[in-house]
Amino acid sequence: MENKKTRRNLYRALRKTGVRKENISLDATFEEDLHFDTTDWKIFTYYLESIFKVNIEDESISKMSSVNDTLKLLRQTA
């Protein structure tokens, strides 16, 4: 149950960043599949921190390459 809620909120953050619904999948990469640039990362980080009420370090952000990596990070911080 917790996993579904976390994934749903993660997808919500991606949608608020401007990612199209059909492009979101666990194996989607930020650079190649979602075409994230510096601005997208800042917006995405803002929504992640506000939706999940966490503080994400820059070092952790640089390690995220896919949606699944972000989900794993959120599980560790929650």
C-alpha atoms as a PDB file:
ATOM      1  CA  MET A   1       0.000   0.000   0.000  1.00  0.00           C
ATOM      2  CA  GLU A   2       2.759   2.426   0.944  1.00  0.00           C
ATOM      3  CA  ASN A   3       4.556   1.622  -2.293  1.00  0.00           C
ATOM      4  CA  LYS A   4       1.518   2.575  -4.390  1.00  0.00           C
ATOM      5  CA  LYS A   5       1.142   5.874  -2.564  1.00  0.00           C
ATOM      6  CA  THR A   6       4.838   6.698  -2.956  1.00  0.00           C
ATOM      7  CA  ARG A   7       4.792   5.833  -6.652  1.00  0.00           C
ATOM      8  CA  ARG A   8       1.608   7.824  -7.242  1.00  0.00           C
ATOM      9  CA  ASN A   9       3.099  10.901  -5.535  1.00  0.00           C
ATOM     10  CA  LEU A  10       6.349  10.489  -7.467  1.00  0.00           C
ATOM     11  CA  TYR A  11       4.394  10.395 -10.728  1.00  0.00           C
ATOM     12  CA  ARG A  12       2.496  13.477  -9.555  1.00  0.00           C
ATOM     13  CA  ALA A  13       5.795  15.325  -9.060  1.00  0.00           C
ATOM     14  CA  LEU A  14       6.907  14.281 -12.543  1.00  0.00           C
ATOM     15  CA  ARG A  15       3.632  15.475 -14.066  1.00  0.00           C
ATOM     16  CA  LYS A  16       3.978  18.842 -12.297  1.00  0.00           C
ATOM     17  CA  THR A  17       7.471  19.091 -13.776  1.00  0.00           C
ATOM     18  CA  GLY A  18       5.939  18.803 -17.240  1.00  0.00           C
ATOM     19  CA  VAL A  19       6.520  15.137 -18.047  1.00  0.00           C
ATOM     20  CA  ARG A  20       3.764  13.594 -20.146  1.00  0.00           C
ATOM     21  CA  LYS A  21       1.858  10.759 -18.530  1.00  0.00           C
ATOM     22  CA  GLU A  22       2.695   8.262 -21.276  1.00  0.00           C
ATOM     23  CA  ASN A  23       6.440   8.904 -20.841  1.00  0.00           C
ATOM     24  CA  ILE A  24       6.469   7.948 -17.166  1.00  0.00           C
ATOM     25  CA  SER A  25       7.645   4.436 -16.332  1.00  0.00           C
ATOM     26  CA  LEU A  26       9.930   2.992 -13.680  1.00  0.00           C
ATOM     27  CA  ASP A  27      12.727   2.375 -16.169  1.00  0.00           C
ATOM     28  CA  ALA A  28      12.487   5.823 -17.816  1.00  0.00           C
ATOM     29  CA  THR A  29      15.769   7.716 -17.590  1.00  0.00           C
ATOM     30  CA  PHE A  30      15.766  11.417 -16.834  1.00  0.00           C
ATOM     31  CA  GLU A  31      18.298  12.380 -19.482  1.00  0.00           C
ATOM     32  CA  GLU A  32      17.366  10.210 -22.462  1.00  0.00           C
ATOM     33  CA  ASP A  33      13.670   9.398 -21.992  1.00  0.00           C
ATOM     34  CA  LEU A  34      12.352  12.415 -20.097  1.00  0.00           C
ATOM     35  CA  HIS A  35      14.832  14.952 -21.547  1.00  0.00           C
ATOM     36  CA  PHE A  36      15.525  16.673 -18.214  1.00  0.00           C
ATOM     37  CA  ASP A  37      17.638  19.825 -18.224  1.00  0.00           C
ATOM     38  CA  THR A  38      18.889  21.934 -15.316  1.00  0.00           C
ATOM     39  CA  THR A  39      15.585  23.748 -14.919  1.00  0.00           C
ATOM     40  CA  ASP A  40      13.614  20.479 -14.924  1.00  0.00           C
ATOM     41  CA  TRP A  41      15.855  19.102 -12.173  1.00  0.00           C
ATOM     42  CA  LYS A  42      15.278  22.160  -9.997  1.00  0.00           C
ATOM     43  CA  ILE A  43      11.511  22.035 -10.476  1.00  0.00           C
ATOM     44  CA  PHE A  44      11.396  18.268  -9.940  1.00  0.00           C
ATOM     45  CA  THR A  45      13.468  18.539  -6.759  1.00  0.00           C
ATOM     46  CA  TYR A  46      11.197  21.286  -5.448  1.00  0.00           C
ATOM     47  CA  TYR A  47       8.092  19.151  -5.995  1.00  0.00           C
ATOM     48  CA  LEU A  48       9.727  16.051  -4.522  1.00  0.00           C
ATOM     49  CA  GLU A  49      10.713  17.920  -1.382  1.00  0.00           C
ATOM     50  CA  SER A  50       7.332  19.586  -0.966  1.00  0.00           C
ATOM     51  CA  ILE A  51       5.177  16.525  -1.738  1.00  0.00           C
ATOM     52  CA  PHE A  52       7.216  14.067   0.330  1.00  0.00           C
ATOM     53  CA  LYS A  53       8.287  16.556   3.013  1.00  0.00           C
ATOM     54  CA  VAL A  54      11.958  15.561   2.706  1.00  0.00           C
ATOM     55  CA  ASN A  55      15.216  17.382   2.093  1.00  0.00           C
ATOM     56  CA  ILE A  56      17.146  15.875  -0.801  1.00  0.00           C
ATOM     57  CA  GLU A  57      20.881  16.513  -0.913  1.00  0.00           C
ATOM     58  CA  ASP A  58      22.530  17.541  -4.182  1.00  0.00           C
ATOM     59  CA  GLU A  59      24.704  14.433  -3.991  1.00  0.00           C
ATOM     60  CA  SER A  60      21.619  12.205  -3.943  1.00  0.00           C
ATOM     61  CA  ILE A  61      20.108  14.022  -6.900  1.00  0.00           C
ATOM     62  CA  SER A  62      23.211  13.460  -8.986  1.00  0.00           C
ATOM     63  CA  LYS A  63      22.913   9.695  -8.361  1.00  0.00           C
ATOM     64  CA  MET A  64      19.373   9.509  -9.736  1.00  0.00           C
ATOM     65  CA  SER A  65      19.368   8.419 -13.355  1.00  0.00           C
ATOM     66  CA  SER A  66      15.925   6.829 -13.631  1.00  0.00           C
ATOM     67  CA  VAL A  67      12.477   7.055 -12.101  1.00  0.00           C
ATOM     68  CA  ASN A  68      13.157   3.807 -10.248  1.00  0.00           C
ATOM     69  CA  ASP A  69      16.305   5.327  -8.667  1.00  0.00           C
ATOM     70  CA  THR A  70      14.163   8.154  -7.321  1.00  0.00           C
ATOM     71  CA  LEU A  71      11.649   5.686  -5.919  1.00  0.00           C
ATOM     72  CA  LYS A  72      14.461   3.829  -4.116  1.00  0.00           C
ATOM     73  CA  LEU A  73      15.805   7.098  -2.695  1.00  0.00           C
ATOM     74  CA  LEU A  74      12.351   8.050  -1.417  1.00  0.00           C
ATOM     75  CA  ARG A  75      11.965   4.678   0.288  1.00  0.00           C
ATOM     76  CA  GLN A  76      15.284   5.219   2.078  1.00  0.00           C
ATOM     77  CA  THR A  77      14.415   8.715   3.280  1.00  0.00           C
ATOM     78  CA  ALA A  78      10.880   7.878   4.420  1.00  0.00           C
END
